[in-house]
Amino acid sequence: MRKPDKAFAMINYLEDQLLAGAYTAGQRMPSLRALMRKFQVSYGTARRGMGWLYERYPDISRETGRGTYFTPAAKSGAENGGRTIAVCRGERSIAPSGLYVSALNGIISAAKKESVNIEVIPPKPELRDAGSLRELTSHFSGVILLGQYDALFPRLEFSVPAVGVMMENSFDGQVSVVDLDPYLSAKIAVRYFLDRGLRRVKILSSMNNAFVLRGKIFAMLAAEQGIRCSKPVAEVRSYAPDTGYFFTSDNWAHSACLRYRERTGRDLTADHVIMGVDGKQLLLPNFSRFPTVAVDWEQVGIAAFNECLARINNPALAAKKIFLTGWFVNYPE
């Protein structure tokens, strides 16, 4: 069953809530009427959206006359050989909703095929301490970190195999890393600016490790092609017609598009040559549209699960960095 387009935002919201552990066993979920009001959709659209969720998530059950409930089935250790992987969800600021849901869907689908339990650990204030995170995850077979945890902790140690998604730091070879390939993404971006005759590019980025790496590789490859690059900055107040703008994250580019429209009333992509990285706009319906290098985030989640399971099955395996190839999305044409 195809995800209903008109219910896209509603489905994404409920998936985010489900996968983040917002609903406890037996808890009633929002009614169709409440969802209609919240997302400004018709009764039919809300019903089709919930139908898609019923089909995808067997832990959601309908009770005639009573509503919709979250009723996860109890799983015994005998069912899966006692293997349970903890998925630690980063806060929204370090784990954007669209990517988080897509990657987690990939993890869960891969885990079902291998009969491995997944337990999602939502963000908690007490888990801001690296020692507490280690203690919590020590009771599991392995751990997958969703979000830029290397931006929160200068050092992390785990007593079980660990894999990070959207991270760059492997913490001295302890944590395997799965992400969009920064080298191939940079090559695509350099070619994009060259094809448009631009020899000057400004790099806009947060200072999180994964994004800094994307900027550094882009600057290196751009210099080899005679393109002059600025040092990464968080924001520019004015845009030049002879300059391209490379954003190391689609979130960063989206924010710039919104600010530009507020100041000028115009579309940034209509006035200047910009490019983002990671493809969030393909996952979120209200996201700004601009050229980007996208990756299949469900496949990222599957790769993270497979790496974690491989290290659980063979503790002697060393942690490694796994980069998935992205593709160019020229939007708008």
C-alpha atoms as a PDB file:
ATOM      1  CA  MET A   1       0.000   0.000   0.000  1.00  0.00           C
ATOM      2  CA  ARG A   2       1.428   3.371  -1.058  1.00  0.00           C
ATOM      3  CA  LYS A   3       1.730   6.091   1.563  1.00  0.00           C
ATOM      4  CA  PRO A   4      -1.175   8.542   0.956  1.00  0.00           C
ATOM      5  CA  ASP A   5       0.263  11.868  -0.238  1.00  0.00           C
ATOM      6  CA  LYS A   6      -2.355  14.067   1.438  1.00  0.00           C
ATOM      7  CA  ALA A   7      -1.753  12.335   4.788  1.00  0.00           C
ATOM      8  CA  PHE A   8       2.050  12.601   4.501  1.00  0.00           C
ATOM      9  CA  ALA A   9       2.541  15.050   7.382  1.00  0.00           C
ATOM     10  CA  MET A  10       0.088  13.177   9.631  1.00  0.00           C
ATOM     11  CA  ILE A  11       1.760   9.818   8.970  1.00  0.00           C
ATOM     12  CA  ASN A  12       5.252  11.232   9.536  1.00  0.00           C
ATOM     13  CA  TYR A  13       4.138  12.713  12.856  1.00  0.00           C
ATOM     14  CA  LEU A  14       2.597   9.455  14.088  1.00  0.00           C
ATOM     15  CA  GLU A  15       5.570   7.401  12.894  1.00  0.00           C
ATOM     16  CA  ASP A  16       7.893   9.748  14.741  1.00  0.00           C
ATOM     17  CA  GLN A  17       5.805   9.334  17.901  1.00  0.00           C
ATOM     18  CA  LEU A  18       5.605   5.546  17.573  1.00  0.00           C
ATOM     19  CA  LEU A  19       9.260   4.989  16.862  1.00  0.00           C
ATOM     20  CA  ALA A  20      10.356   7.421  19.546  1.00  0.00           C
ATOM     21  CA  GLY A  21       8.488   5.476  22.210  1.00  0.00           C
ATOM     22  CA  ALA A  22       5.917   8.213  22.858  1.00  0.00           C
ATOM     23  CA  TYR A  23       3.126   5.661  23.331  1.00  0.00           C
ATOM     24  CA  THR A  24       3.169   3.101  26.125  1.00  0.00           C
ATOM     25  CA  ALA A  25       1.540  -0.339  25.852  1.00  0.00           C
ATOM     26  CA  GLY A  26      -2.246  -0.029  25.941  1.00  0.00           C
ATOM     27  CA  GLN A  27      -2.237   3.745  25.417  1.00  0.00           C
ATOM     28  CA  ARG A  28      -4.955   5.249  23.241  1.00  0.00           C
ATOM     29  CA  MET A  29      -3.715   7.087  20.153  1.00  0.00           C
ATOM     30  CA  PRO A  30      -5.272  10.265  18.696  1.00  0.00           C
ATOM     31  CA  SER A  31      -8.744   9.891  17.199  1.00  0.00           C
ATOM     32  CA  LEU A  32      -9.486  10.523  13.537  1.00  0.00           C
ATOM     33  CA  ARG A  33     -11.322  13.717  14.476  1.00  0.00           C
ATOM     34  CA  ALA A  34      -8.316  14.984  16.454  1.00  0.00           C
ATOM     35  CA  LEU A  35      -5.987  14.183  13.551  1.00  0.00           C
ATOM     36  CA  MET A  36      -8.310  15.945  11.110  1.00  0.00           C
ATOM     37  CA  ARG A  37      -8.140  19.132  13.191  1.00  0.00           C
ATOM     38  CA  LYS A  38      -4.410  18.945  13.834  1.00  0.00           C
ATOM     39  CA  PHE A  39      -3.380  18.392  10.211  1.00  0.00           C
ATOM     40  CA  GLN A  40      -6.278  20.125   8.443  1.00  0.00           C
ATOM     41  CA  VAL A  41      -7.237  17.048   6.437  1.00  0.00           C
ATOM     42  CA  SER A  42     -10.560  15.450   5.552  1.00  0.00           C
ATOM     43  CA  TYR A  43     -12.021  12.450   7.338  1.00  0.00           C
ATOM     44  CA  GLY A  44     -11.264  10.254   4.322  1.00  0.00           C
ATOM     45  CA  THR A  45      -7.620  11.397   4.189  1.00  0.00           C
ATOM     46  CA  ALA A  46      -7.128  10.773   7.922  1.00  0.00           C
ATOM     47  CA  ARG A  47      -8.745   7.344   7.597  1.00  0.00           C
ATOM     48  CA  ARG A  48      -6.541   6.375   4.630  1.00  0.00           C
ATOM     49  CA  GLY A  49      -3.474   7.555   6.534  1.00  0.00           C
ATOM     50  CA  MET A  50      -4.371   5.426   9.542  1.00  0.00           C
ATOM     51  CA  GLY A  51      -5.086   2.487   7.219  1.00  0.00           C
ATOM     52  CA  TRP A  52      -1.519   2.757   5.924  1.00  0.00           C
ATOM     53  CA  LEU A  53      -0.198   2.740   9.498  1.00  0.00           C
ATOM     54  CA  TYR A  54      -2.377  -0.248  10.497  1.00  0.00           C
ATOM     55  CA  GLU A  55      -0.876  -2.224   7.629  1.00  0.00           C
ATOM     56  CA  ARG A  56       2.717  -1.224   8.363  1.00  0.00           C
ATOM     57  CA  TYR A  57       2.645  -1.395  12.170  1.00  0.00           C
ATOM     58  CA  PRO A  58       0.976  -4.499  13.662  1.00  0.00           C
ATOM     59  CA  ASP A  59       1.413  -2.970  17.137  1.00  0.00           C
ATOM     60  CA  ILE A  60      -1.475  -0.575  16.340  1.00  0.00           C
ATOM     61  CA  SER A  61      -4.932  -2.065  16.875  1.00  0.00           C
ATOM     62  CA  ARG A  62      -8.442  -0.729  16.240  1.00  0.00           C
ATOM     63  CA  GLU A  63     -11.203  -1.402  18.734  1.00  0.00           C
ATOM     64  CA  THR A  64     -14.660  -0.697  17.328  1.00  0.00           C
ATOM     65  CA  GLY A  65     -16.378   2.048  19.279  1.00  0.00           C
ATOM     66  CA  ARG A  66     -13.343   2.633  21.513  1.00  0.00           C
ATOM     67  CA  GLY A  67     -10.550   3.944  19.276  1.00  0.00           C
ATOM     68  CA  THR A  68      -6.999   3.088  18.264  1.00  0.00           C
ATOM     69  CA  TYR A  69      -4.487   1.678  20.738  1.00  0.00           C
ATOM     70  CA  PHE A  70      -0.796   0.909  20.846  1.00  0.00           C
ATOM     71  CA  THR A  71      -0.609  -2.785  21.786  1.00  0.00           C
ATOM     72  CA  PRO A  72       2.890  -4.183  21.223  1.00  0.00           C
ATOM     73  CA  ALA A  73       3.115  -7.946  21.520  1.00  0.00           C
ATOM     74  CA  ALA A  74       5.338  -9.235  24.310  1.00  0.00           C
ATOM     75  CA  LYS A  75       8.469 -10.939  22.995  1.00  0.00           C
ATOM     76  CA  SER A  76      10.457 -13.545  24.811  1.00  0.00           C
ATOM     77  CA  GLY A  77      14.191 -13.999  24.672  1.00  0.00           C
ATOM     78  CA  ALA A  78      13.661 -17.500  23.268  1.00  0.00           C
ATOM     79  CA  GLU A  79      12.044 -16.023  20.166  1.00  0.00           C
ATOM     80  CA  ASN A  80      15.209 -14.275  19.057  1.00  0.00           C
ATOM     81  CA  GLY A  81      18.012 -16.005  20.883  1.00  0.00           C
ATOM     82  CA  GLY A  82      17.976 -13.254  23.507  1.00  0.00           C
ATOM     83  CA  ARG A  83      19.287 -10.623  21.070  1.00  0.00           C
ATOM     84  CA  THR A  84      18.001  -7.096  21.591  1.00  0.00           C
ATOM     85  CA  ILE A  85      19.532  -3.981  20.073  1.00  0.00           C
ATOM     86  CA  ALA A  86      18.957  -0.601  21.697  1.00  0.00           C
ATOM     87  CA  VAL A  87      18.383   2.292  19.317  1.00  0.00           C
ATOM     88  CA  CYS A  88      19.181   5.561  21.070  1.00  0.00           C
ATOM     89  CA  ARG A  89      17.294   8.405  19.521  1.00  0.00           C
ATOM     90  CA  GLY A  90      19.065  11.745  19.477  1.00  0.00           C
ATOM     91  CA  GLU A  91      17.162  14.905  20.303  1.00  0.00           C
ATOM     92  CA  ARG A  92      15.407  16.531  17.360  1.00  0.00           C
ATOM     93  CA  SER A  93      18.205  19.092  17.057  1.00  0.00           C
ATOM     94  CA  ILE A  94      20.734  16.321  16.342  1.00  0.00           C
ATOM     95  CA  ALA A  95      18.436  13.780  14.677  1.00  0.00           C
ATOM     96  CA  PRO A  96      16.078  15.484  12.187  1.00  0.00           C
ATOM     97  CA  SER A  97      12.639  13.896  12.104  1.00  0.00           C
ATOM     98  CA  GLY A  98      12.491  12.749   8.477  1.00  0.00           C
ATOM     99  CA  LEU A  99      15.893  11.095   8.475  1.00  0.00           C
ATOM    100  CA  TYR A 100      15.350   9.614  11.928  1.00  0.00           C
ATOM    101  CA  VAL A 101      12.051   7.953  10.994  1.00  0.00           C
ATOM    102  CA  SER A 102      13.393   6.638   7.680  1.00  0.00           C
ATOM    103  CA  ALA A 103      16.582   5.212   9.186  1.00  0.00           C
ATOM    104  CA  LEU A 104      14.661   3.664  12.073  1.00  0.00           C
ATOM    105  CA  ASN A 105      12.186   2.079   9.667  1.00  0.00           C
ATOM    106  CA  GLY A 106      15.150   0.477   7.927  1.00  0.00           C
ATOM    107  CA  ILE A 107      16.547  -0.804  11.232  1.00  0.00           C
ATOM    108  CA  ILE A 108      13.203  -2.273  12.287  1.00  0.00           C
ATOM    109  CA  SER A 109      12.521  -3.962   8.933  1.00  0.00           C
ATOM    110  CA  ALA A 110      15.996  -5.554   8.938  1.00  0.00           C
ATOM    111  CA  ALA A 111      15.596  -6.660  12.561  1.00  0.00           C
ATOM    112  CA  LYS A 112      12.305  -8.437  11.801  1.00  0.00           C
ATOM    113  CA  LYS A 113      13.996 -10.502   9.090  1.00  0.00           C
ATOM    114  CA  GLU A 114      16.684 -11.596  11.560  1.00  0.00           C
ATOM    115  CA  SER A 115      14.252 -12.091  14.501  1.00  0.00           C
ATOM    116  CA  VAL A 116      16.092  -9.505  16.589  1.00  0.00           C
ATOM    117  CA  ASN A 117      14.259  -7.261  19.045  1.00  0.00           C
ATOM    118  CA  ILE A 118      14.631  -3.484  18.799  1.00  0.00           C
ATOM    119  CA  GLU A 119      14.099  -1.253  21.819  1.00  0.00           C
ATOM    120  CA  VAL A 120      13.972   2.471  21.107  1.00  0.00           C
ATOM    121  CA  ILE A 121      15.446   4.651  23.852  1.00  0.00           C
ATOM    122  CA  PRO A 122      13.966   8.163  23.601  1.00  0.00           C
ATOM    123  CA  PRO A 123      16.031  11.191  24.654  1.00  0.00           C
ATOM    124  CA  LYS A 124      16.200  11.612  28.437  1.00  0.00           C
ATOM    125  CA  PRO A 125      17.977  14.309  30.482  1.00  0.00           C
ATOM    126  CA  GLU A 126      19.913  11.662  32.412  1.00  0.00           C
ATOM    127  CA  LEU A 127      21.379  10.284  29.183  1.00  0.00           C
ATOM    128  CA  ARG A 128      23.331  13.479  28.577  1.00  0.00           C
ATOM    129  CA  ASP A 129      25.996  11.840  30.717  1.00  0.00           C
ATOM    130  CA  ALA A 130      28.280   9.454  28.800  1.00  0.00           C
ATOM    131  CA  GLY A 131      28.588   7.123  31.788  1.00  0.00           C
ATOM    132  CA  SER A 132      24.811   6.789  32.082  1.00  0.00           C
ATOM    133  CA  LEU A 133      24.547   6.026  28.377  1.00  0.00           C
ATOM    134  CA  ARG A 134      27.163   3.298  28.723  1.00  0.00           C
ATOM    135  CA  GLU A 135      25.402   1.796  31.754  1.00  0.00           C
ATOM    136  CA  LEU A 136      21.991   1.806  30.060  1.00  0.00           C
ATOM    137  CA  THR A 137      23.216   0.168  26.858  1.00  0.00           C
ATOM    138  CA  SER A 138      25.344  -2.447  28.642  1.00  0.00           C
ATOM    139  CA  HIS A 139      22.193  -4.538  29.204  1.00  0.00           C
ATOM    140  CA  PHE A 140      21.602  -4.950  25.460  1.00  0.00           C
ATOM    141  CA  SER A 141      23.302  -7.052  22.781  1.00  0.00           C
ATOM    142  CA  GLY A 142      24.312  -3.943  20.853  1.00  0.00           C
ATOM    143  CA  VAL A 143      23.462  -0.274  20.381  1.00  0.00           C
ATOM    144  CA  ILE A 144      22.714   1.969  17.407  1.00  0.00           C
ATOM    145  CA  LEU A 145      23.035   5.734  17.915  1.00  0.00           C
ATOM    146  CA  LEU A 146      20.727   7.834  15.728  1.00  0.00           C
ATOM    147  CA  GLY A 147      21.963  11.406  15.501  1.00  0.00           C
ATOM    148  CA  GLN A 148      25.149  13.396  15.887  1.00  0.00           C
ATOM    149  CA  TYR A 149      26.122  11.976  19.277  1.00  0.00           C
ATOM    150  CA  ASP A 150      29.710  12.989  18.582  1.00  0.00           C
ATOM    151  CA  ALA A 151      28.490  16.586  18.826  1.00  0.00           C
ATOM    152  CA  LEU A 152      27.199  15.929  22.366  1.00  0.00           C
ATOM    153  CA  PHE A 153      30.018  13.865  23.845  1.00  0.00           C
ATOM    154  CA  PRO A 154      33.778  14.430  23.517  1.00  0.00           C
ATOM    155  CA  ARG A 155      34.261  10.791  24.514  1.00  0.00           C
ATOM    156  CA  LEU A 156      32.076   7.685  24.483  1.00  0.00           C
ATOM    157  CA  GLU A 157      32.720   4.124  25.626  1.00  0.00           C
ATOM    158  CA  PHE A 158      30.491   1.088  25.260  1.00  0.00           C
ATOM    159  CA  SER A 159      30.682  -2.455  26.609  1.00  0.00           C
ATOM    160  CA  VAL A 160      28.665  -3.788  23.626  1.00  0.00           C
ATOM    161  CA  PRO A 161      29.057  -3.308  19.844  1.00  0.00           C
ATOM    162  CA  ALA A 162      27.993   0.210  18.854  1.00  0.00           C
ATOM    163  CA  VAL A 163      27.096   1.805  15.508  1.00  0.00           C
ATOM    164  CA  GLY A 164      26.469   5.498  14.862  1.00  0.00           C
ATOM    165  CA  VAL A 165      24.259   6.977  12.132  1.00  0.00           C
ATOM    166  CA  MET A 166      24.889  10.604  11.088  1.00  0.00           C
ATOM    167  CA  MET A 167      28.191  10.622  13.004  1.00  0.00           C
ATOM    168  CA  GLU A 168      31.811  11.045  11.914  1.00  0.00           C
ATOM    169  CA  ASN A 169      33.805  10.358  15.093  1.00  0.00           C
ATOM    170  CA  SER A 170      34.384   6.634  15.728  1.00  0.00           C
ATOM    171  CA  PHE A 171      35.697   7.340  19.256  1.00  0.00           C
ATOM    172  CA  ASP A 172      39.069   5.694  18.750  1.00  0.00           C
ATOM    173  CA  GLY A 173      37.643   2.845  16.695  1.00  0.00           C
ATOM    174  CA  GLN A 174      34.918   1.830  19.154  1.00  0.00           C
ATOM    175  CA  VAL A 175      31.876   2.927  17.162  1.00  0.00           C
ATOM    176  CA  SER A 176      31.173   1.878  13.582  1.00  0.00           C
ATOM    177  CA  VAL A 177      29.854   4.790  11.526  1.00  0.00           C
ATOM    178  CA  VAL A 178      27.246   4.690   8.748  1.00  0.00           C
ATOM    179  CA  ASP A 179      26.480   7.799   6.694  1.00  0.00           C
ATOM    180  CA  LEU A 180      26.189   9.352   3.251  1.00  0.00           C
ATOM    181  CA  ASP A 181      29.534   9.170   1.418  1.00  0.00           C
ATOM    182  CA  PRO A 182      31.098  12.643   1.912  1.00  0.00           C
ATOM    183  CA  TYR A 183      33.711  12.194  -0.832  1.00  0.00           C
ATOM    184  CA  LEU A 184      31.317  11.238  -3.636  1.00  0.00           C
ATOM    185  CA  SER A 185      28.851  13.900  -2.449  1.00  0.00           C
ATOM    186  CA  ALA A 186      31.590  16.518  -2.689  1.00  0.00           C
ATOM    187  CA  LYS A 187      32.535  15.348  -6.196  1.00  0.00           C
ATOM    188  CA  ILE A 188      28.919  15.747  -7.332  1.00  0.00           C
ATOM    189  CA  ALA A 189      28.722  19.210  -5.759  1.00  0.00           C
ATOM    190  CA  VAL A 190      31.990  20.398  -7.324  1.00  0.00           C
ATOM    191  CA  ARG A 191      30.804  19.285 -10.764  1.00  0.00           C
ATOM    192  CA  TYR A 192      27.486  21.069 -10.203  1.00  0.00           C
ATOM    193  CA  PHE A 193      29.184  24.433  -9.565  1.00  0.00           C
ATOM    194  CA  LEU A 194      31.715  23.951 -12.387  1.00  0.00           C
ATOM    195  CA  ASP A 195      28.930  23.236 -14.865  1.00  0.00           C
ATOM    196  CA  ARG A 196      27.424  26.609 -13.959  1.00  0.00           C
ATOM    197  CA  GLY A 197      30.686  28.463 -14.512  1.00  0.00           C
ATOM    198  CA  LEU A 198      31.259  29.369 -10.877  1.00  0.00           C
ATOM    199  CA  ARG A 199      34.807  29.694  -9.516  1.00  0.00           C
ATOM    200  CA  ARG A 200      33.926  30.978  -6.071  1.00  0.00           C
ATOM    201  CA  VAL A 201      31.873  29.036  -3.510  1.00  0.00           C
ATOM    202  CA  LYS A 202      30.946  29.813   0.064  1.00  0.00           C
ATOM    203  CA  ILE A 203      30.537  26.867   2.421  1.00  0.00           C
ATOM    204  CA  LEU A 204      27.754  27.083   5.003  1.00  0.00           C
ATOM    205  CA  SER A 205      27.702  24.550   7.800  1.00  0.00           C
ATOM    206  CA  SER A 206      27.138  23.776  11.434  1.00  0.00           C
ATOM    207  CA  MET A 207      30.244  22.741  13.336  1.00  0.00           C
ATOM    208  CA  ASN A 208      29.079  19.168  13.948  1.00  0.00           C
ATOM    209  CA  ASN A 209      31.778  16.672  12.978  1.00  0.00           C
ATOM    210  CA  ALA A 210      29.987  15.005  10.052  1.00  0.00           C
ATOM    211  CA  PHE A 211      29.132  18.355   8.478  1.00  0.00           C
ATOM    212  CA  VAL A 212      32.617  19.783   9.004  1.00  0.00           C
ATOM    213  CA  LEU A 213      34.027  16.739   7.206  1.00  0.00           C
ATOM    214  CA  ARG A 214      31.697  17.300   4.247  1.00  0.00           C
ATOM    215  CA  GLY A 215      32.872  20.906   4.019  1.00  0.00           C
ATOM    216  CA  LYS A 216      36.562  20.012   4.238  1.00  0.00           C
ATOM    217  CA  ILE A 217      36.352  17.384   1.494  1.00  0.00           C
ATOM    218  CA  PHE A 218      34.367  19.722  -0.741  1.00  0.00           C
ATOM    219  CA  ALA A 219      36.932  22.509  -0.273  1.00  0.00           C
ATOM    220  CA  MET A 220      39.792  20.130  -1.099  1.00  0.00           C
ATOM    221  CA  LEU A 221      38.189  18.807  -4.287  1.00  0.00           C
ATOM    222  CA  ALA A 222      37.013  22.277  -5.320  1.00  0.00           C
ATOM    223  CA  ALA A 223      40.544  23.680  -4.966  1.00  0.00           C
ATOM    224  CA  GLU A 224      41.835  20.951  -7.305  1.00  0.00           C
ATOM    225  CA  GLN A 225      39.419  22.296  -9.937  1.00  0.00           C
ATOM    226  CA  GLY A 226      40.384  25.940  -9.418  1.00  0.00           C
ATOM    227  CA  ILE A 227      37.379  26.879  -7.286  1.00  0.00           C
ATOM    228  CA  ARG A 228      38.045  29.229  -4.379  1.00  0.00           C
ATOM    229  CA  CYS A 229      36.163  28.339  -1.201  1.00  0.00           C
ATOM    230  CA  SER A 230      35.532  30.223   2.009  1.00  0.00           C
ATOM    231  CA  LYS A 231      36.022  28.718   5.422  1.00  0.00           C
ATOM    232  CA  PRO A 232      32.718  27.250   6.656  1.00  0.00           C
ATOM    233  CA  VAL A 233      30.368  29.835   8.169  1.00  0.00           C
ATOM    234  CA  ALA A 234      26.989  29.434   9.812  1.00  0.00           C
ATOM    235  CA  GLU A 235      25.172  32.139   7.836  1.00  0.00           C
ATOM    236  CA  VAL A 236      25.612  34.858   5.223  1.00  0.00           C
ATOM    237  CA  ARG A 237      23.660  38.104   5.196  1.00  0.00           C
ATOM    238  CA  SER A 238      24.154  38.908   1.521  1.00  0.00           C
ATOM    239  CA  TYR A 239      24.544  36.783  -1.598  1.00  0.00           C
ATOM    240  CA  ALA A 240      26.764  37.594  -4.592  1.00  0.00           C
ATOM    241  CA  PRO A 241      25.744  36.745  -8.195  1.00  0.00           C
ATOM    242  CA  ASP A 242      29.165  35.284  -9.084  1.00  0.00           C
ATOM    243  CA  THR A 243      29.314  32.996  -6.024  1.00  0.00           C
ATOM    244  CA  GLY A 244      27.871  29.551  -5.385  1.00  0.00           C
ATOM    245  CA  TYR A 245      26.685  28.411  -1.967  1.00  0.00           C
ATOM    246  CA  PHE A 246      27.354  24.893  -0.699  1.00  0.00           C
ATOM    247  CA  PHE A 247      25.356  23.826   2.360  1.00  0.00           C
ATOM    248  CA  THR A 248      26.710  20.750   4.151  1.00  0.00           C
ATOM    249  CA  SER A 249      23.193  19.866   5.339  1.00  0.00           C
ATOM    250  CA  ASP A 250      19.770  20.292   3.771  1.00  0.00           C
ATOM    251  CA  ASN A 251      18.579  21.637   7.136  1.00  0.00           C
ATOM    252  CA  TRP A 252      21.085  24.463   6.841  1.00  0.00           C
ATOM    253  CA  ALA A 253      19.982  25.227   3.273  1.00  0.00           C
ATOM    254  CA  HIS A 254      16.296  25.100   4.239  1.00  0.00           C
ATOM    255  CA  SER A 255      16.862  27.629   7.032  1.00  0.00           C
ATOM    256  CA  ALA A 256      18.721  29.907   4.620  1.00  0.00           C
ATOM    257  CA  CYS A 257      15.860  29.697   2.113  1.00  0.00           C
ATOM    258  CA  LEU A 258      13.350  30.684   4.793  1.00  0.00           C
ATOM    259  CA  ARG A 259      15.465  33.642   5.981  1.00  0.00           C
ATOM    260  CA  TYR A 260      16.023  34.832   2.409  1.00  0.00           C
ATOM    261  CA  ARG A 261      12.305  34.784   1.672  1.00  0.00           C
ATOM    262  CA  GLU A 262      11.586  36.702   4.883  1.00  0.00           C
ATOM    263  CA  ARG A 263      14.086  39.415   3.916  1.00  0.00           C
ATOM    264  CA  THR A 264      13.420  39.663   0.176  1.00  0.00           C
ATOM    265  CA  GLY A 265      10.107  37.967  -0.544  1.00  0.00           C
ATOM    266  CA  ARG A 266      11.912  35.919  -3.191  1.00  0.00           C
ATOM    267  CA  ASP A 267      13.093  32.334  -3.666  1.00  0.00           C
ATOM    268  CA  LEU A 268      16.814  31.875  -2.935  1.00  0.00           C
ATOM    269  CA  THR A 269      17.152  29.178  -5.612  1.00  0.00           C
ATOM    270  CA  ALA A 270      15.695  31.534  -8.248  1.00  0.00           C
ATOM    271  CA  ASP A 271      18.303  34.210  -7.496  1.00  0.00           C
ATOM    272  CA  HIS A 272      21.442  32.220  -6.662  1.00  0.00           C
ATOM    273  CA  VAL A 273      23.150  28.883  -7.235  1.00  0.00           C
ATOM    274  CA  ILE A 274      22.949  26.764  -4.079  1.00  0.00           C
ATOM    275  CA  MET A 275      23.312  23.093  -3.246  1.00  0.00           C
ATOM    276  CA  GLY A 276      22.550  20.998  -0.164  1.00  0.00           C
ATOM    277  CA  VAL A 277      23.452  17.523   1.034  1.00  0.00           C
ATOM    278  CA  ASP A 278      21.454  14.548   2.411  1.00  0.00           C
ATOM    279  CA  GLY A 279      18.041  14.709   0.740  1.00  0.00           C
ATOM    280  CA  LYS A 280      15.773  15.733   3.633  1.00  0.00           C
ATOM    281  CA  GLN A 281      13.513  17.500   1.149  1.00  0.00           C
ATOM    282  CA  LEU A 282      12.554  14.107  -0.305  1.00  0.00           C
ATOM    283  CA  LEU A 283      11.237  13.024   3.109  1.00  0.00           C
ATOM    284  CA  LEU A 284       9.448  16.144   4.336  1.00  0.00           C
ATOM    285  CA  PRO A 285       6.601  17.674   2.267  1.00  0.00           C
ATOM    286  CA  ASN A 286       6.973  21.272   3.528  1.00  0.00           C
ATOM    287  CA  PHE A 287      10.735  21.417   3.058  1.00  0.00           C
ATOM    288  CA  SER A 288      12.324  23.958   0.690  1.00  0.00           C
ATOM    289  CA  ARG A 289      13.270  22.580  -2.729  1.00  0.00           C
ATOM    290  CA  PHE A 290      16.799  22.988  -4.083  1.00  0.00           C
ATOM    291  CA  PRO A 291      19.501  20.831  -5.718  1.00  0.00           C
ATOM    292  CA  THR A 292      20.901  18.280  -3.283  1.00  0.00           C
ATOM    293  CA  VAL A 293      22.794  15.001  -2.968  1.00  0.00           C
ATOM    294  CA  ALA A 294      20.317  12.503  -1.515  1.00  0.00           C
ATOM    295  CA  VAL A 295      20.735   9.059  -0.005  1.00  0.00           C
ATOM    296  CA  ASP A 296      18.222   6.331   0.865  1.00  0.00           C
ATOM    297  CA  TRP A 297      17.999   6.714   4.648  1.00  0.00           C
ATOM    298  CA  GLU A 298      16.141   3.422   5.069  1.00  0.00           C
ATOM    299  CA  GLN A 299      19.160   1.745   3.463  1.00  0.00           C
ATOM    300  CA  VAL A 300      21.391   3.647   5.900  1.00  0.00           C
ATOM    301  CA  GLY A 301      19.341   2.163   8.744  1.00  0.00           C
ATOM    302  CA  ILE A 302      19.569  -1.339   7.258  1.00  0.00           C
ATOM    303  CA  ALA A 303      23.341  -0.979   6.878  1.00  0.00           C
ATOM    304  CA  ALA A 304      23.636   0.182  10.506  1.00  0.00           C
ATOM    305  CA  PHE A 305      21.615  -2.809  11.728  1.00  0.00           C
ATOM    306  CA  ASN A 306      23.617  -5.285   9.637  1.00  0.00           C
ATOM    307  CA  GLU A 307      26.907  -3.854  10.937  1.00  0.00           C
ATOM    308  CA  CYS A 308      25.701  -4.005  14.542  1.00  0.00           C
ATOM    309  CA  LEU A 309      24.479  -7.594  14.145  1.00  0.00           C
ATOM    310  CA  ALA A 310      27.738  -8.663  12.488  1.00  0.00           C
ATOM    311  CA  ARG A 311      29.718  -7.313  15.429  1.00  0.00           C
ATOM    312  CA  ILE A 312      27.346  -8.967  17.920  1.00  0.00           C
ATOM    313  CA  ASN A 313      27.824 -12.308  16.176  1.00  0.00           C
ATOM    314  CA  ASN A 314      31.592 -11.821  15.931  1.00  0.00           C
ATOM    315  CA  PRO A 315      32.923  -9.602  18.762  1.00  0.00           C
ATOM    316  CA  ALA A 316      36.417  -9.758  17.247  1.00  0.00           C
ATOM    317  CA  LEU A 317      35.316  -7.626  14.272  1.00  0.00           C
ATOM    318  CA  ALA A 318      36.806  -4.132  14.307  1.00  0.00           C
ATOM    319  CA  ALA A 319      34.578  -1.080  14.007  1.00  0.00           C
ATOM    320  CA  LYS A 320      34.537   0.471  10.554  1.00  0.00           C
ATOM    321  CA  LYS A 321      33.173   3.407   8.580  1.00  0.00           C
ATOM    322  CA  ILE A 322      30.489   2.569   6.025  1.00  0.00           C
ATOM    323  CA  PHE A 323      29.555   5.230   3.481  1.00  0.00           C
ATOM    324  CA  LEU A 324      26.572   4.846   1.145  1.00  0.00           C
ATOM    325  CA  THR A 325      26.568   6.428  -2.307  1.00  0.00           C
ATOM    326  CA  GLY A 326      24.220   9.359  -2.842  1.00  0.00           C
ATOM    327  CA  TRP A 327      22.670  10.665  -6.042  1.00  0.00           C
ATOM    328  CA  PHE A 328      22.134  14.127  -7.507  1.00  0.00           C
ATOM    329  CA  VAL A 329      18.619  15.592  -7.272  1.00  0.00           C
ATOM    330  CA  ASN A 330      18.335  18.685  -9.457  1.00  0.00           C
ATOM    331  CA  TYR A 331      15.280  20.276  -7.904  1.00  0.00           C
ATOM    332  CA  PRO A 332      13.922  22.572  -9.105  1.00  0.00           C
ATOM    333  CA  GLU A 333      14.868  21.768 -12.696  1.00  0.00           C
END
